[in-house]
């Protein structure tokens, strides 16, 4: 039977994370296709994924390229792009009900995993910004119908901001369905680098992107290389 929904998960060195995620998805989203696309992991991520995922693909590192590869092999009528450190906080019936509206594309509200009060402000700001701009980050479980994904020719070959780029192209065709459903994503980036510093860095990168700074330069700034 052809699945209605395909979860596409790009990963690199997510051992200890990808296994539990796939097990959770397998138990709560029965019948959905689980596709993992590895980008040259050097740990045991692939071994963990092979035991649970329906399809495990090996590709060059780069989230955009990995997601395009997964989409090319997916069989579902809807493609759900999920980060390895993000988990849906809703059930399959809730997802089916939302998709019964036949949206072209959309995304979820985000919640950060940590308990710090500052993270509540960050997630609120992220949700308000994405609703206002109709641009989601990769942490928000971006979903696209197969037909529309092919129409906009998938993700652009960018080292960073591939999520922003495709949302801008998608919203020219149709407005997004912003689900009330929540996904919980890891707050490790904010906890490791500091909440204020991370927020300022992300806004600075977005400003530079709007100003036309090449994505490779943004990648170097983001990863401090």
N, C-alpha and C. Protein backbone atom coordinates (compact mmCIF):
# COMPACT_ATOMS: atom_id res chain seq x y z
N UNK A 1 0.84 -1.20 0.00
CA UNK A 1 0.00 0.00 0.00
C UNK A 1 0.87 1.25 0.00
N UNK A 2 0.53 2.21 -0.82
CA UNK A 2 1.31 3.45 -0.90
C UNK A 2 0.98 4.34 0.30
N UNK A 3 1.98 4.78 1.04
CA UNK A 3 1.71 5.62 2.22
C UNK A 3 1.25 7.02 1.83
N UNK A 4 0.41 7.61 2.67
CA UNK A 4 -0.04 8.97 2.39
C UNK A 4 1.02 9.99 2.79
N UNK A 5 1.78 9.66 3.84
CA UNK A 5 2.74 10.61 4.39
C UNK A 5 4.13 9.98 4.45
N UNK A 6 5.12 10.77 4.07
CA UNK A 6 6.51 10.33 4.15
C UNK A 6 7.28 11.30 5.04
N UNK A 7 7.90 10.78 6.08
CA UNK A 7 8.79 11.58 6.92
C UNK A 7 10.20 11.45 6.36
N UNK A 8 10.82 12.59 6.08
CA UNK A 8 12.17 12.60 5.51
C UNK A 8 13.09 13.26 6.53
N UNK A 9 14.09 12.50 6.99
CA UNK A 9 14.93 12.95 8.10
C UNK A 9 16.39 13.00 7.65
N UNK A 10 16.95 14.18 7.42
CA UNK A 10 18.38 14.27 7.14
C UNK A 10 19.16 14.13 8.45
N UNK A 11 20.27 13.44 8.41
CA UNK A 11 21.05 13.29 9.65
C UNK A 11 22.54 13.23 9.35
N UNK A 12 23.31 13.59 10.38
CA UNK A 12 24.76 13.39 10.36
C UNK A 12 25.22 13.31 11.80
N UNK A 13 25.76 12.16 12.16
CA UNK A 13 26.26 11.91 13.51
C UNK A 13 25.18 12.16 14.57
N UNK A 14 24.10 11.40 14.46
CA UNK A 14 22.98 11.50 15.40
C UNK A 14 22.77 10.20 16.17
N UNK A 15 23.84 9.46 16.41
CA UNK A 15 23.74 8.22 17.19
C UNK A 15 23.20 8.54 18.58
N UNK A 16 22.30 7.70 19.05
CA UNK A 16 21.67 7.93 20.34
C UNK A 16 20.45 8.82 20.24
N UNK A 17 20.27 9.47 19.10
CA UNK A 17 19.13 10.36 18.87
C UNK A 17 18.21 9.78 17.81
N UNK A 18 18.80 9.32 16.70
CA UNK A 18 17.98 8.87 15.57
C UNK A 18 17.22 7.58 15.90
N UNK A 19 17.82 6.69 16.66
CA UNK A 19 17.14 5.44 17.00
C UNK A 19 15.86 5.67 17.79
N UNK A 20 15.93 6.39 18.92
CA UNK A 20 14.70 6.68 19.68
C UNK A 20 13.67 7.47 18.88
N UNK A 21 14.11 8.40 18.04
CA UNK A 21 13.17 9.16 17.22
C UNK A 21 12.41 8.24 16.28
N UNK A 22 13.12 7.38 15.58
CA UNK A 22 12.47 6.48 14.63
C UNK A 22 11.54 5.51 15.34
N UNK A 23 11.94 5.02 16.50
CA UNK A 23 11.08 4.11 17.25
C UNK A 23 9.78 4.80 17.65
N UNK A 24 9.89 6.07 18.06
CA UNK A 24 8.71 6.84 18.44
C UNK A 24 7.80 7.07 17.24
N UNK A 25 8.38 7.45 16.10
CA UNK A 25 7.59 7.67 14.90
C UNK A 25 6.92 6.38 14.43
N UNK A 26 7.65 5.29 14.51
CA UNK A 26 7.12 4.00 14.06
C UNK A 26 5.91 3.59 14.88
N UNK A 27 5.95 3.86 16.18
CA UNK A 27 4.85 3.44 17.05
C UNK A 27 3.64 4.36 16.94
N UNK A 28 3.87 5.66 16.70
CA UNK A 28 2.77 6.62 16.72
C UNK A 28 2.23 6.97 15.34
N UNK A 29 3.01 6.70 14.30
CA UNK A 29 2.57 7.04 12.95
C UNK A 29 2.63 5.79 12.06
N UNK A 30 1.91 4.78 12.49
CA UNK A 30 1.89 3.51 11.77
C UNK A 30 1.40 3.71 10.34
N UNK A 31 2.11 3.10 9.41
CA UNK A 31 1.73 3.20 8.00
C UNK A 31 2.39 4.34 7.27
N UNK A 32 3.02 5.27 8.00
CA UNK A 32 3.74 6.37 7.36
C UNK A 32 5.15 5.89 6.98
N UNK A 33 5.66 6.44 5.92
CA UNK A 33 6.98 6.06 5.43
C UNK A 33 8.05 6.85 6.17
N UNK A 34 9.08 6.14 6.65
CA UNK A 34 10.19 6.78 7.36
C UNK A 34 11.45 6.67 6.51
N UNK A 35 11.94 7.81 6.05
CA UNK A 35 13.13 7.85 5.20
C UNK A 35 14.23 8.64 5.91
N UNK A 36 15.37 8.03 6.07
CA UNK A 36 16.53 8.69 6.67
C UNK A 36 17.59 8.87 5.60
N UNK A 37 18.14 10.06 5.53
CA UNK A 37 19.20 10.35 4.55
C UNK A 37 20.45 10.77 5.32
N UNK A 38 21.45 9.93 5.28
CA UNK A 38 22.68 10.19 6.03
C UNK A 38 23.68 10.99 5.19
N UNK A 39 24.34 11.92 5.85
CA UNK A 39 25.35 12.74 5.19
C UNK A 39 26.74 12.46 5.72
N UNK A 40 27.22 11.23 5.51
CA UNK A 40 28.58 10.80 5.87
C UNK A 40 28.81 10.83 7.38
N UNK A 41 27.92 10.20 8.12
CA UNK A 41 28.10 10.08 9.56
C UNK A 41 29.33 9.23 9.87
N UNK A 42 30.02 9.58 10.97
CA UNK A 42 31.20 8.82 11.39
C UNK A 42 30.94 8.06 12.68
N UNK A 43 29.69 8.06 13.15
CA UNK A 43 29.34 7.33 14.36
C UNK A 43 28.43 6.15 13.99
N UNK A 44 27.58 5.73 14.90
CA UNK A 44 26.72 4.57 14.65
C UNK A 44 25.31 4.96 14.22
N UNK A 45 25.15 6.15 13.66
CA UNK A 45 23.82 6.61 13.26
C UNK A 45 23.18 5.68 12.23
N UNK A 46 23.94 5.26 11.25
CA UNK A 46 23.39 4.43 10.18
C UNK A 46 22.90 3.10 10.73
N UNK A 47 23.69 2.49 11.62
CA UNK A 47 23.29 1.21 12.20
C UNK A 47 21.97 1.35 12.96
N UNK A 48 21.80 2.44 13.69
CA UNK A 48 20.56 2.67 14.43
C UNK A 48 19.38 2.83 13.48
N UNK A 49 19.60 3.57 12.40
CA UNK A 49 18.51 3.84 11.46
C UNK A 49 18.10 2.59 10.69
N UNK A 50 19.08 1.75 10.35
CA UNK A 50 18.78 0.57 9.55
C UNK A 50 17.80 -0.38 10.23
N UNK A 51 17.79 -0.37 11.53
CA UNK A 51 16.91 -1.29 12.23
C UNK A 51 15.45 -0.88 12.25
N UNK A 52 15.16 0.38 11.93
CA UNK A 52 13.80 0.89 12.10
C UNK A 52 13.25 1.59 10.86
N UNK A 53 14.04 2.39 10.19
CA UNK A 53 13.56 3.18 9.05
C UNK A 53 13.16 2.27 7.89
N UNK A 54 12.21 2.74 7.09
CA UNK A 54 11.82 2.00 5.89
C UNK A 54 12.89 2.10 4.81
N UNK A 55 13.52 3.27 4.73
CA UNK A 55 14.56 3.51 3.73
C UNK A 55 15.69 4.29 4.39
N UNK A 56 16.92 3.85 4.17
CA UNK A 56 18.10 4.59 4.60
C UNK A 56 18.95 4.88 3.37
N UNK A 57 19.16 6.15 3.10
CA UNK A 57 19.92 6.57 1.93
C UNK A 57 21.23 7.20 2.36
N UNK A 58 22.25 7.02 1.55
CA UNK A 58 23.55 7.61 1.82
C UNK A 58 23.82 8.68 0.78
N UNK A 59 24.16 9.88 1.25
CA UNK A 59 24.40 10.98 0.33
C UNK A 59 25.52 11.88 0.84
N UNK A 60 25.82 12.88 0.06
CA UNK A 60 26.82 13.86 0.47
C UNK A 60 26.24 14.74 1.58
N UNK A 61 27.07 15.22 2.50
CA UNK A 61 26.56 16.10 3.56
C UNK A 61 26.02 17.41 3.01
N UNK A 62 25.01 17.91 3.64
CA UNK A 62 24.33 19.12 3.18
C UNK A 62 22.85 18.90 3.28
N UNK A 63 22.18 19.59 4.19
CA UNK A 63 20.78 19.30 4.49
C UNK A 63 19.88 19.41 3.26
N UNK A 64 20.09 20.44 2.43
CA UNK A 64 19.25 20.61 1.25
C UNK A 64 19.36 19.41 0.31
N UNK A 65 20.59 19.01 0.03
CA UNK A 65 20.81 17.88 -0.87
C UNK A 65 20.25 16.59 -0.28
N UNK A 66 20.41 16.41 1.01
CA UNK A 66 19.90 15.21 1.66
C UNK A 66 18.37 15.15 1.60
N UNK A 67 17.73 16.27 1.84
CA UNK A 67 16.27 16.28 1.80
C UNK A 67 15.74 16.09 0.39
N UNK A 68 16.42 16.66 -0.59
CA UNK A 68 16.02 16.44 -1.98
C UNK A 68 16.15 14.96 -2.37
N UNK A 69 17.21 14.33 -1.89
CA UNK A 69 17.41 12.91 -2.18
C UNK A 69 16.29 12.09 -1.55
N UNK A 70 15.96 12.40 -0.31
CA UNK A 70 14.87 11.69 0.35
C UNK A 70 13.55 11.89 -0.35
N UNK A 71 13.29 13.13 -0.78
CA UNK A 71 12.04 13.43 -1.48
C UNK A 71 11.94 12.68 -2.80
N UNK A 72 13.06 12.51 -3.48
CA UNK A 72 13.06 11.82 -4.77
C UNK A 72 12.69 10.34 -4.62
N UNK A 73 12.94 9.79 -3.44
CA UNK A 73 12.65 8.37 -3.21
C UNK A 73 11.34 8.15 -2.45
N UNK A 74 10.74 9.22 -1.94
CA UNK A 74 9.53 9.09 -1.13
C UNK A 74 8.34 8.70 -1.99
N UNK A 75 7.41 7.98 -1.38
CA UNK A 75 6.20 7.54 -2.08
C UNK A 75 4.95 8.26 -1.61
N UNK A 76 5.02 8.98 -0.49
CA UNK A 76 3.85 9.63 0.07
C UNK A 76 3.37 10.81 -0.75
N UNK A 77 2.10 11.13 -0.60
CA UNK A 77 1.55 12.30 -1.29
C UNK A 77 1.94 13.59 -0.56
N UNK A 78 2.31 13.47 0.71
CA UNK A 78 2.82 14.61 1.47
C UNK A 78 4.20 14.27 2.02
N UNK A 79 5.10 15.24 1.93
CA UNK A 79 6.47 15.08 2.40
C UNK A 79 6.64 15.92 3.66
N UNK A 80 7.08 15.28 4.74
CA UNK A 80 7.30 15.95 6.02
C UNK A 80 8.80 15.94 6.31
N UNK A 81 9.40 17.13 6.34
CA UNK A 81 10.84 17.23 6.54
C UNK A 81 11.11 17.48 8.02
N UNK A 82 11.73 16.49 8.66
CA UNK A 82 11.88 16.47 10.11
C UNK A 82 13.35 16.40 10.49
N UNK A 83 13.79 17.30 11.38
CA UNK A 83 15.15 17.24 11.90
C UNK A 83 15.26 16.09 12.89
N UNK A 84 16.44 15.54 13.00
CA UNK A 84 16.65 14.38 13.87
C UNK A 84 16.44 14.72 15.34
N UNK A 85 16.60 15.98 15.72
CA UNK A 85 16.44 16.35 17.12
C UNK A 85 15.08 16.99 17.39
N UNK A 86 14.11 16.73 16.54
CA UNK A 86 12.76 17.29 16.68
C UNK A 86 11.73 16.15 16.71
N UNK A 87 10.74 16.28 17.58
CA UNK A 87 9.71 15.24 17.67
C UNK A 87 8.32 15.84 17.59
N UNK A 88 7.45 15.26 16.78
CA UNK A 88 6.06 15.71 16.74
C UNK A 88 5.36 15.40 18.06
N UNK A 89 4.55 16.34 18.53
CA UNK A 89 3.80 16.16 19.78
C UNK A 89 2.31 16.00 19.48
N UNK A 90 1.99 15.23 18.46
CA UNK A 90 0.60 15.01 18.08
C UNK A 90 0.48 13.60 17.52
N UNK A 91 -0.74 13.17 17.29
CA UNK A 91 -0.99 11.80 16.86
C UNK A 91 -1.26 11.72 15.36
N UNK A 92 -1.28 10.51 14.84
CA UNK A 92 -1.59 10.30 13.43
C UNK A 92 -3.01 10.76 13.09
N UNK A 93 -4.02 10.47 13.90
CA UNK A 93 -5.36 10.98 13.58
C UNK A 93 -5.42 12.51 13.51
N UNK A 94 -4.68 13.19 14.37
CA UNK A 94 -4.64 14.65 14.32
C UNK A 94 -3.99 15.11 13.02
N UNK A 95 -2.94 14.43 12.61
CA UNK A 95 -2.27 14.78 11.37
C UNK A 95 -3.18 14.52 10.17
N UNK A 96 -3.86 13.40 10.18
CA UNK A 96 -4.78 13.07 9.08
C UNK A 96 -5.91 14.09 8.97
N UNK A 97 -6.41 14.53 10.11
CA UNK A 97 -7.47 15.53 10.10
C UNK A 97 -6.98 16.84 9.48
N UNK A 98 -5.77 17.26 9.84
CA UNK A 98 -5.22 18.49 9.28
C UNK A 98 -4.99 18.37 7.78
N UNK A 99 -4.49 17.23 7.34
CA UNK A 99 -4.20 17.04 5.92
C UNK A 99 -5.45 16.85 5.09
N UNK A 100 -6.58 16.56 5.75
CA UNK A 100 -7.84 16.41 5.01
C UNK A 100 -8.26 17.73 4.36
N UNK A 101 -7.66 18.83 4.78
CA UNK A 101 -7.94 20.13 4.19
C UNK A 101 -7.17 20.35 2.89
N UNK A 102 -6.35 19.37 2.53
CA UNK A 102 -5.56 19.40 1.28
C UNK A 102 -4.71 20.66 1.13
N UNK A 103 -3.91 21.00 2.15
CA UNK A 103 -3.04 22.17 2.03
C UNK A 103 -1.90 21.91 1.05
N UNK A 104 -1.42 22.97 0.42
CA UNK A 104 -0.26 22.81 -0.45
C UNK A 104 1.00 22.61 0.36
N UNK A 105 1.09 23.37 1.46
CA UNK A 105 2.26 23.26 2.32
C UNK A 105 1.95 23.92 3.66
N UNK A 106 2.85 23.77 4.59
CA UNK A 106 2.65 24.39 5.89
C UNK A 106 3.70 23.95 6.88
N UNK A 107 3.45 24.24 8.14
CA UNK A 107 4.41 23.90 9.19
C UNK A 107 3.72 23.96 10.54
N UNK A 108 4.43 23.54 11.58
CA UNK A 108 3.88 23.46 12.93
C UNK A 108 4.43 24.57 13.82
N UNK A 109 3.79 24.72 14.96
CA UNK A 109 4.34 25.56 16.02
C UNK A 109 5.47 24.79 16.68
N UNK A 110 6.43 25.53 17.23
CA UNK A 110 7.61 24.90 17.82
C UNK A 110 7.65 25.12 19.33
N UNK A 111 8.16 24.12 20.03
CA UNK A 111 8.45 24.25 21.45
C UNK A 111 9.87 23.78 21.68
N UNK A 112 10.62 24.49 22.48
CA UNK A 112 12.00 24.11 22.78
C UNK A 112 12.02 23.21 24.01
N UNK A 113 12.94 22.27 24.03
CA UNK A 113 12.91 21.20 25.02
C UNK A 113 13.34 21.64 26.43
N UNK A 114 14.18 22.65 26.54
CA UNK A 114 14.73 23.03 27.84
C UNK A 114 13.74 23.74 28.74
N UNK A 115 14.00 23.77 30.07
CA UNK A 115 13.07 24.37 31.03
C UNK A 115 13.29 25.87 31.27
N UNK A 116 14.37 26.44 30.75
CA UNK A 116 14.71 27.84 31.04
C UNK A 116 13.59 28.78 30.58
N UNK A 117 13.27 29.76 31.42
CA UNK A 117 12.20 30.70 31.07
C UNK A 117 12.50 31.47 29.79
N UNK A 118 13.77 31.75 29.58
CA UNK A 118 14.14 32.48 28.37
C UNK A 118 13.78 31.73 27.11
N UNK A 119 13.78 30.40 27.17
CA UNK A 119 13.42 29.60 26.00
C UNK A 119 11.95 29.73 25.64
N UNK A 120 11.12 30.02 26.66
CA UNK A 120 9.69 30.23 26.39
C UNK A 120 9.51 31.50 25.56
N UNK A 121 10.31 32.52 25.85
CA UNK A 121 10.25 33.74 25.06
C UNK A 121 10.76 33.51 23.64
N UNK A 122 11.82 32.69 23.53
CA UNK A 122 12.39 32.40 22.21
C UNK A 122 11.37 31.67 21.35
N UNK A 123 10.75 30.63 21.88
CA UNK A 123 9.79 29.85 21.07
C UNK A 123 8.57 30.68 20.72
N UNK A 124 8.14 31.55 21.64
CA UNK A 124 7.02 32.43 21.33
C UNK A 124 7.40 33.38 20.19
N UNK A 125 8.60 33.91 20.24
CA UNK A 125 9.06 34.79 19.17
C UNK A 125 9.16 34.06 17.85
N UNK A 126 9.65 32.82 17.87
CA UNK A 126 9.76 32.03 16.64
C UNK A 126 8.39 31.79 16.02
N UNK A 127 7.42 31.45 16.86
CA UNK A 127 6.08 31.16 16.35
C UNK A 127 5.39 32.41 15.81
N UNK A 128 5.58 33.53 16.49
CA UNK A 128 5.00 34.78 16.01
C UNK A 128 5.64 35.21 14.69
N UNK A 129 6.95 35.11 14.61
CA UNK A 129 7.66 35.50 13.39
C UNK A 129 7.24 34.65 12.22
N UNK A 130 7.17 33.34 12.41
CA UNK A 130 6.83 32.46 11.29
C UNK A 130 5.38 32.66 10.84
N UNK A 131 4.50 32.94 11.78
CA UNK A 131 3.10 33.20 11.41
C UNK A 131 2.99 34.50 10.62
N UNK A 132 3.73 35.52 11.04
CA UNK A 132 3.65 36.83 10.40
C UNK A 132 4.31 36.82 9.02
N UNK A 133 5.48 36.17 8.92
CA UNK A 133 6.23 36.19 7.66
C UNK A 133 5.85 35.05 6.72
N UNK A 134 5.18 34.02 7.27
CA UNK A 134 4.86 32.80 6.51
C UNK A 134 6.15 32.12 6.03
N UNK A 135 7.17 32.18 6.90
CA UNK A 135 8.45 31.53 6.64
C UNK A 135 8.81 30.71 7.88
N UNK A 136 9.00 29.42 7.70
CA UNK A 136 9.31 28.54 8.81
C UNK A 136 10.78 28.14 8.80
N UNK A 137 11.27 27.74 9.96
CA UNK A 137 12.61 27.16 10.03
C UNK A 137 12.48 25.65 9.92
N UNK A 138 13.60 25.00 9.73
CA UNK A 138 13.59 23.55 9.60
C UNK A 138 13.14 22.83 10.86
N UNK A 139 13.17 23.53 12.00
CA UNK A 139 12.74 22.93 13.26
C UNK A 139 11.23 22.80 13.38
N UNK A 140 10.47 23.31 12.41
CA UNK A 140 9.02 23.38 12.55
C UNK A 140 8.26 22.36 11.71
N UNK A 141 8.94 21.28 11.32
CA UNK A 141 8.33 20.21 10.54
C UNK A 141 7.63 20.76 9.30
N UNK A 142 8.41 21.31 8.41
CA UNK A 142 7.89 21.80 7.14
C UNK A 142 7.30 20.64 6.35
N UNK A 143 6.06 20.80 5.86
CA UNK A 143 5.46 19.77 5.03
C UNK A 143 4.99 20.38 3.71
N UNK A 144 5.08 19.59 2.64
CA UNK A 144 4.75 20.05 1.29
C UNK A 144 4.11 18.89 0.54
N UNK A 145 3.08 19.18 -0.23
CA UNK A 145 2.53 18.14 -1.09
C UNK A 145 3.57 17.78 -2.14
N UNK A 146 3.58 16.52 -2.54
CA UNK A 146 4.56 16.09 -3.54
C UNK A 146 4.46 16.94 -4.81
N UNK A 147 3.24 17.23 -5.23
CA UNK A 147 3.02 17.99 -6.46
C UNK A 147 3.63 19.38 -6.36
N UNK A 148 3.40 20.06 -5.24
CA UNK A 148 3.92 21.41 -5.08
C UNK A 148 5.43 21.40 -4.92
N UNK A 149 5.96 20.41 -4.22
CA UNK A 149 7.42 20.30 -4.04
C UNK A 149 8.10 20.18 -5.39
N UNK A 150 7.54 19.37 -6.26
CA UNK A 150 8.10 19.21 -7.60
C UNK A 150 7.94 20.49 -8.42
N UNK A 151 6.83 21.17 -8.20
CA UNK A 151 6.56 22.40 -8.96
C UNK A 151 7.59 23.48 -8.65
N UNK A 152 8.00 23.60 -7.38
CA UNK A 152 8.99 24.62 -7.01
C UNK A 152 10.41 24.09 -7.11
N UNK A 153 10.55 22.85 -7.58
CA UNK A 153 11.85 22.22 -7.83
C UNK A 153 12.66 21.99 -6.55
N UNK A 154 11.96 21.72 -5.47
CA UNK A 154 12.62 21.30 -4.24
C UNK A 154 13.47 22.35 -3.58
N UNK A 155 14.38 21.89 -2.74
CA UNK A 155 15.27 22.79 -2.02
C UNK A 155 16.40 23.26 -2.93
N UNK A 156 16.75 24.52 -2.82
CA UNK A 156 17.90 25.04 -3.56
C UNK A 156 19.19 24.52 -2.94
N UNK A 157 20.22 24.43 -3.74
CA UNK A 157 21.51 23.91 -3.27
C UNK A 157 22.24 24.99 -2.47
N UNK A 158 21.77 25.18 -1.24
CA UNK A 158 22.33 26.19 -0.36
C UNK A 158 22.91 25.52 0.89
N UNK A 159 24.04 25.99 1.41
CA UNK A 159 24.60 25.40 2.63
C UNK A 159 23.88 25.84 3.89
N UNK A 160 23.10 26.92 3.77
CA UNK A 160 22.34 27.46 4.91
C UNK A 160 21.16 28.25 4.35
N UNK A 161 20.11 28.39 5.13
CA UNK A 161 18.91 29.14 4.75
C UNK A 161 18.09 28.43 3.66
N UNK A 162 18.29 27.14 3.50
CA UNK A 162 17.50 26.41 2.50
C UNK A 162 16.02 26.38 2.88
N UNK A 163 15.74 26.40 4.18
CA UNK A 163 14.35 26.41 4.64
C UNK A 163 13.68 27.75 4.35
N UNK A 164 14.39 28.83 4.60
CA UNK A 164 13.86 30.17 4.32
C UNK A 164 13.62 30.33 2.83
N UNK A 165 14.56 29.88 2.03
CA UNK A 165 14.45 30.02 0.57
C UNK A 165 13.23 29.29 0.02
N UNK A 166 13.03 28.05 0.43
CA UNK A 166 11.90 27.30 -0.14
C UNK A 166 10.57 27.86 0.35
N UNK A 167 10.50 28.34 1.59
CA UNK A 167 9.26 28.94 2.09
C UNK A 167 8.89 30.18 1.28
N UNK A 168 9.87 30.97 0.92
CA UNK A 168 9.60 32.17 0.14
C UNK A 168 9.08 31.81 -1.25
N UNK A 169 9.60 30.73 -1.81
CA UNK A 169 9.11 30.29 -3.12
C UNK A 169 7.73 29.66 -3.02
N UNK A 170 7.50 28.91 -1.95
CA UNK A 170 6.20 28.27 -1.75
C UNK A 170 5.09 29.29 -1.52
N UNK A 171 5.37 30.33 -0.74
CA UNK A 171 4.32 31.29 -0.42
C UNK A 171 3.92 32.13 -1.63
N UNK A 172 4.74 32.14 -2.68
CA UNK A 172 4.34 32.82 -3.91
C UNK A 172 3.24 32.03 -4.62
N UNK A 173 3.18 30.74 -4.35
CA UNK A 173 2.20 29.88 -5.01
C UNK A 173 0.94 29.75 -4.16
N UNK A 174 1.13 29.57 -2.85
CA UNK A 174 -0.02 29.38 -1.96
C UNK A 174 0.37 29.74 -0.53
N UNK A 175 -0.60 30.17 0.24
CA UNK A 175 -0.35 30.44 1.63
C UNK A 175 -0.21 29.16 2.42
N UNK A 176 0.57 29.16 3.51
CA UNK A 176 0.78 27.94 4.28
C UNK A 176 -0.37 27.65 5.23
N UNK A 177 -0.54 26.38 5.55
CA UNK A 177 -1.41 25.98 6.65
C UNK A 177 -0.53 25.88 7.89
N UNK A 178 -0.75 26.75 8.85
CA UNK A 178 0.05 26.74 10.09
C UNK A 178 -0.74 25.94 11.13
N UNK A 179 -0.23 24.77 11.44
CA UNK A 179 -0.94 23.87 12.33
C UNK A 179 -0.84 24.34 13.78
N UNK A 180 -1.90 24.12 14.54
CA UNK A 180 -1.84 24.34 15.98
C UNK A 180 -1.00 23.27 16.65
N UNK A 181 -0.80 22.17 15.96
CA UNK A 181 0.02 21.07 16.49
C UNK A 181 1.44 21.57 16.75
N UNK A 182 2.06 20.97 17.76
CA UNK A 182 3.37 21.41 18.22
C UNK A 182 4.42 20.34 17.93
N UNK A 183 5.62 20.77 17.57
CA UNK A 183 6.77 19.89 17.54
C UNK A 183 7.76 20.39 18.58
N UNK A 184 8.40 19.46 19.26
CA UNK A 184 9.38 19.81 20.29
C UNK A 184 10.77 19.59 19.73
N UNK A 185 11.58 20.63 19.72
CA UNK A 185 12.92 20.52 19.17
C UNK A 185 13.96 20.76 20.26
N UNK A 186 15.11 20.18 20.09
CA UNK A 186 16.17 20.28 21.11
C UNK A 186 16.62 21.73 21.29
N UNK A 187 16.80 22.12 22.53
CA UNK A 187 17.28 23.47 22.85
C UNK A 187 18.78 23.50 23.06
N UNK A 188 19.48 22.45 22.65
CA UNK A 188 20.92 22.35 22.94
C UNK A 188 21.70 23.50 22.35
N UNK A 189 21.30 24.00 21.18
CA UNK A 189 22.03 25.10 20.55
C UNK A 189 21.98 26.34 21.42
N UNK A 190 20.81 26.65 21.97
CA UNK A 190 20.66 27.82 22.83
C UNK A 190 21.37 27.61 24.17
N UNK A 191 21.32 26.39 24.67
CA UNK A 191 21.94 26.10 25.97
C UNK A 191 23.46 26.12 25.87
N UNK A 192 24.01 25.65 24.77
CA UNK A 192 25.46 25.59 24.61
C UNK A 192 26.06 26.96 24.31
N UNK A 193 25.37 27.74 23.49
CA UNK A 193 25.93 29.02 23.04
C UNK A 193 25.37 30.23 23.78
N UNK A 194 24.37 30.00 24.61
CA UNK A 194 23.72 31.12 25.30
C UNK A 194 22.49 31.58 24.54
N UNK A 195 21.41 31.82 25.27
CA UNK A 195 20.14 32.17 24.63
C UNK A 195 20.24 33.46 23.85
N UNK A 196 20.72 34.52 24.52
CA UNK A 196 20.78 35.83 23.86
C UNK A 196 21.73 35.81 22.68
N UNK A 197 22.88 35.20 22.84
CA UNK A 197 23.86 35.15 21.75
C UNK A 197 23.30 34.40 20.55
N UNK A 198 22.61 33.28 20.80
CA UNK A 198 22.06 32.49 19.70
C UNK A 198 20.97 33.26 18.96
N UNK A 199 20.09 33.93 19.71
CA UNK A 199 19.02 34.71 19.08
C UNK A 199 19.61 35.82 18.22
N UNK A 200 20.58 36.54 18.76
CA UNK A 200 21.19 37.65 18.02
C UNK A 200 21.92 37.13 16.77
N UNK A 201 22.57 35.99 16.91
CA UNK A 201 23.27 35.40 15.77
C UNK A 201 22.30 35.05 14.66
N UNK A 202 21.18 34.43 15.02
CA UNK A 202 20.20 34.02 14.01
C UNK A 202 19.58 35.23 13.31
N UNK A 203 19.26 36.26 14.08
CA UNK A 203 18.69 37.46 13.46
C UNK A 203 19.72 38.16 12.58
N UNK A 204 20.98 38.17 13.00
CA UNK A 204 22.04 38.78 12.20
C UNK A 204 22.21 38.02 10.88
N UNK A 205 22.17 36.70 10.94
CA UNK A 205 22.29 35.90 9.73
C UNK A 205 21.12 36.16 8.78
N UNK A 206 19.92 36.27 9.34
CA UNK A 206 18.76 36.56 8.49
C UNK A 206 18.88 37.93 7.83
N UNK A 207 19.37 38.90 8.59
CA UNK A 207 19.55 40.24 8.03
C UNK A 207 20.58 40.21 6.90
N UNK A 208 21.69 39.50 7.10
CA UNK A 208 22.71 39.41 6.06
C UNK A 208 22.17 38.68 4.83
N UNK A 209 21.34 37.67 5.07
CA UNK A 209 20.74 36.92 3.96
C UNK A 209 19.86 37.83 3.11
N UNK A 210 19.03 38.62 3.78
CA UNK A 210 18.15 39.56 3.08
C UNK A 210 18.97 40.58 2.30
N UNK A 211 20.12 40.93 2.85
CA UNK A 211 20.99 41.91 2.19
C UNK A 211 21.79 41.31 1.03
N UNK A 212 21.66 40.01 0.82
CA UNK A 212 22.32 39.39 -0.32
C UNK A 212 23.66 38.77 -0.05
N UNK A 213 24.03 38.60 1.21
CA UNK A 213 25.30 37.96 1.53
C UNK A 213 25.24 36.49 1.10
N UNK A 214 26.27 35.97 0.42
CA UNK A 214 26.23 34.59 -0.08
C UNK A 214 26.02 33.58 1.05
N UNK A 215 25.19 32.56 0.82
CA UNK A 215 24.92 31.55 1.85
C UNK A 215 26.18 30.87 2.39
N UNK A 216 27.21 30.69 1.55
CA UNK A 216 28.43 30.06 2.05
C UNK A 216 29.11 30.92 3.10
N UNK A 217 29.05 32.23 2.93
CA UNK A 217 29.59 33.15 3.94
C UNK A 217 28.78 33.04 5.22
N UNK A 218 27.46 32.94 5.09
CA UNK A 218 26.60 32.78 6.27
C UNK A 218 26.91 31.48 6.97
N UNK A 219 27.17 30.44 6.21
CA UNK A 219 27.52 29.12 6.79
C UNK A 219 28.77 29.23 7.62
N UNK A 220 29.77 29.93 7.11
CA UNK A 220 31.03 30.09 7.84
C UNK A 220 30.81 30.87 9.14
N UNK A 221 29.96 31.89 9.09
CA UNK A 221 29.67 32.67 10.29
C UNK A 221 28.94 31.80 11.31
N UNK A 222 27.95 31.05 10.84
CA UNK A 222 27.13 30.23 11.73
C UNK A 222 27.96 29.16 12.44
N UNK A 223 28.84 28.52 11.67
CA UNK A 223 29.66 27.45 12.23
C UNK A 223 31.03 27.92 12.69
N UNK A 224 31.23 29.26 12.66
CA UNK A 224 32.46 29.87 13.16
C UNK A 224 33.70 29.25 12.52
N UNK A 225 33.68 29.23 11.17
CA UNK A 225 34.79 28.65 10.43
C UNK A 225 35.39 29.65 9.47
